Amino acid sequence: MKKAFIGSLVGLAIVIAFDSFARVIISIYMGLDLPMISYSEYDGIWPFLITFIGGFSAFFGAMFSLTYGRTHRWVNVLSYLTLMILLRYGQIYLLTGKESLFYPITTLVLSLGGILIAWQLTSKNKPTSSDSTFQQDEPEEDPLYHEPES
């Protein structure tokens, strides 16, 4: 159970690090001060890119978290989901009244979608019909139709 909590904390740290790194690179490229939460200070396509990176980083954090704490999957995903919602809601709360909430809410939705995709990718796969065609079936015994009844 400790592994599940540690995995979700490290997954959240991956999200924060990846988001921060992307914002630092874009801020250096544009010559701006470092806005760690704001989206409106960036011009052009950069707010869309930061929003997409936010969802992508949530996917990577969820993949790490779900693969690290495999033994307690439900505890892991619920703790990571709670931490992610708190992080994204904190961004929304800090930006309320200062700028449009389109980008932070879209980042929240993309983050939840990334977690769902990571959950689907790390879940145990059930064999499909195409997988069963590659498996060799055991030879069936011939029924004894012509054997006399006793």
Protein backbone atom coordinates (compact mmCIF):
# COMPACT_ATOMS: atom_id res chain seq x y z
CA MET A 1 0.00 0.00 0.00
CA LYS A 2 2.96 2.31 0.65
CA LYS A 3 4.13 1.61 -2.88
CA ALA A 4 0.80 2.85 -4.23
CA PHE A 5 1.03 6.17 -2.37
CA ILE A 6 4.68 6.63 -3.28
CA GLY A 7 3.87 5.87 -6.92
CA SER A 8 1.10 8.45 -6.98
CA LEU A 9 3.31 11.08 -5.34
CA VAL A 10 6.12 10.41 -7.82
CA GLY A 11 3.58 10.51 -10.66
CA LEU A 12 2.41 13.92 -9.46
CA ALA A 13 6.04 15.06 -9.23
CA ILE A 14 6.51 13.97 -12.86
CA VAL A 15 3.51 16.09 -13.87
CA ILE A 16 4.76 19.16 -12.02
CA ALA A 17 8.29 18.75 -13.36
CA PHE A 18 7.18 18.22 -16.96
CA ASP A 19 4.76 21.18 -16.85
CA SER A 20 7.37 23.42 -15.25
CA PHE A 21 10.06 22.39 -17.72
CA ALA A 22 7.76 23.16 -20.67
CA ARG A 23 6.87 26.57 -19.24
CA VAL A 24 10.54 27.41 -18.60
CA ILE A 25 11.53 26.48 -22.16
CA ILE A 26 8.66 28.46 -23.70
CA SER A 27 9.34 31.47 -21.44
CA ILE A 28 13.03 31.49 -22.37
CA TYR A 29 12.16 31.16 -26.05
CA MET A 30 9.68 34.05 -25.88
CA GLY A 31 11.78 36.20 -23.52
CA LEU A 32 9.07 36.46 -20.86
CA ASP A 33 9.11 36.34 -17.11
CA LEU A 34 8.27 32.89 -15.84
CA PRO A 35 4.46 32.64 -15.44
CA MET A 36 4.05 29.27 -13.70
CA ILE A 37 0.25 29.19 -13.70
CA SER A 38 -0.96 31.78 -16.19
CA TYR A 39 -1.89 30.97 -19.76
CA SER A 40 -2.81 34.42 -21.06
CA GLU A 41 0.71 35.85 -20.87
CA TYR A 42 1.75 33.64 -23.77
CA ASP A 43 0.88 34.67 -27.31
CA GLY A 44 -0.17 32.64 -30.32
CA ILE A 45 -0.29 28.88 -30.14
CA TRP A 46 1.66 28.59 -26.88
CA PRO A 47 -1.39 28.38 -24.56
CA PHE A 48 -2.71 25.46 -26.63
CA LEU A 49 0.68 23.76 -26.45
CA ILE A 50 0.89 24.21 -22.68
CA THR A 51 -2.63 22.81 -22.33
CA PHE A 52 -1.73 19.78 -24.44
CA ILE A 53 1.50 19.27 -22.48
CA GLY A 54 -0.53 19.36 -19.25
CA GLY A 55 -2.69 16.46 -20.43
CA PHE A 56 0.31 14.59 -21.81
CA SER A 57 2.26 14.94 -18.57
CA ALA A 58 -0.72 13.62 -16.61
CA PHE A 59 -0.68 10.57 -18.87
CA PHE A 60 3.04 9.99 -18.24
CA GLY A 61 2.62 10.46 -14.50
CA ALA A 62 -0.31 8.03 -14.47
CA MET A 63 1.67 5.46 -16.47
CA PHE A 64 4.50 5.59 -13.95
CA SER A 65 2.16 5.54 -11.00
CA LEU A 66 0.08 2.63 -12.28
CA THR A 67 3.08 0.52 -13.25
CA TYR A 68 4.96 1.21 -10.03
CA GLY A 69 2.10 0.34 -7.68
CA ARG A 70 0.56 -2.61 -9.50
CA THR A 71 -0.31 -4.56 -6.38
CA HIS A 72 -2.87 -2.02 -5.13
CA ARG A 73 -4.23 -0.59 -8.37
CA TRP A 74 -7.38 0.95 -6.94
CA VAL A 75 -5.59 2.71 -4.08
CA ASN A 76 -2.99 3.90 -6.56
CA VAL A 77 -5.38 5.30 -9.14
CA LEU A 78 -7.65 6.92 -6.55
CA SER A 79 -4.77 8.63 -4.75
CA TYR A 80 -3.22 9.79 -8.02
CA LEU A 81 -6.60 10.98 -9.31
CA THR A 82 -7.24 12.91 -6.09
CA LEU A 83 -3.83 14.57 -6.21
CA MET A 84 -4.25 15.44 -9.89
CA ILE A 85 -7.68 16.96 -9.35
CA LEU A 86 -6.34 19.00 -6.43
CA LEU A 87 -3.44 20.27 -8.56
CA ARG A 88 -5.61 21.23 -11.52
CA TYR A 89 -8.34 22.69 -9.31
CA GLY A 90 -5.68 24.77 -7.54
CA GLN A 91 -4.68 26.21 -10.90
CA ILE A 92 -8.30 26.97 -11.75
CA TYR A 93 -8.85 28.59 -8.35
CA LEU A 94 -5.77 30.81 -8.67
CA LEU A 95 -6.76 31.94 -12.17
CA THR A 96 -10.42 32.66 -11.39
CA GLY A 97 -11.11 36.32 -12.05
CA LYS A 98 -7.68 36.95 -13.59
CA GLU A 99 -8.06 35.37 -17.01
CA SER A 100 -10.21 33.03 -19.03
CA LEU A 101 -10.73 29.59 -17.50
CA PHE A 102 -10.88 27.81 -20.85
CA TYR A 103 -7.27 26.61 -20.80
CA PRO A 104 -7.13 25.41 -17.16
CA ILE A 105 -10.45 23.56 -17.46
CA THR A 106 -9.34 22.00 -20.74
CA THR A 107 -6.10 20.94 -19.03
CA LEU A 108 -8.15 19.32 -16.25
CA VAL A 109 -10.27 17.41 -18.78
CA LEU A 110 -7.20 16.31 -20.75
CA SER A 111 -5.52 15.20 -17.52
CA LEU A 112 -8.51 13.06 -16.58
CA GLY A 113 -8.53 11.62 -20.09
CA GLY A 114 -4.82 10.84 -19.83
CA ILE A 115 -5.40 9.01 -16.56
CA LEU A 116 -8.21 6.99 -18.14
CA ILE A 117 -6.05 6.03 -21.12
CA ALA A 118 -3.18 5.04 -18.80
CA TRP A 119 -5.61 2.92 -16.76
CA GLN A 120 -6.77 1.15 -19.91
CA LEU A 121 -3.23 0.55 -21.13
CA THR A 122 -1.99 -0.87 -17.85
CA SER A 123 -5.00 -3.07 -17.12
CA LYS A 124 -4.73 -6.79 -17.64
CA ASN A 125 -5.66 -7.63 -21.20
CA LYS A 126 -8.34 -10.18 -21.85
CA PRO A 127 -7.68 -12.45 -24.81
CA THR A 128 -9.51 -11.39 -27.92
CA SER A 129 -10.78 -13.52 -30.76
CA SER A 130 -7.72 -12.68 -32.87
CA ASP A 131 -5.45 -13.88 -30.04
CA SER A 132 -7.25 -17.20 -29.85
CA THR A 133 -6.65 -17.93 -33.53
CA PHE A 134 -2.91 -18.07 -32.89
CA GLN A 135 -3.25 -20.54 -30.07
CA GLN A 136 -3.23 -24.16 -31.04
CA ASP A 137 -6.28 -25.99 -29.94
CA GLU A 138 -5.90 -29.43 -28.47
CA PRO A 139 -7.11 -32.13 -30.81
CA GLU A 140 -10.62 -33.18 -30.01
CA GLU A 141 -11.39 -36.81 -29.41
CA ASP A 142 -13.55 -38.38 -32.05
CA PRO A 143 -16.93 -39.30 -30.67
CA LEU A 144 -17.69 -42.95 -30.74
CA TYR A 145 -20.80 -42.91 -32.89
CA HIS A 146 -20.57 -46.40 -34.28
CA GLU A 147 -19.85 -48.23 -31.12
CA PRO A 148 -22.56 -50.64 -30.13
CA GLU A 149 -24.59 -49.84 -27.09
CA SER A 150 -24.22 -52.15 -24.17
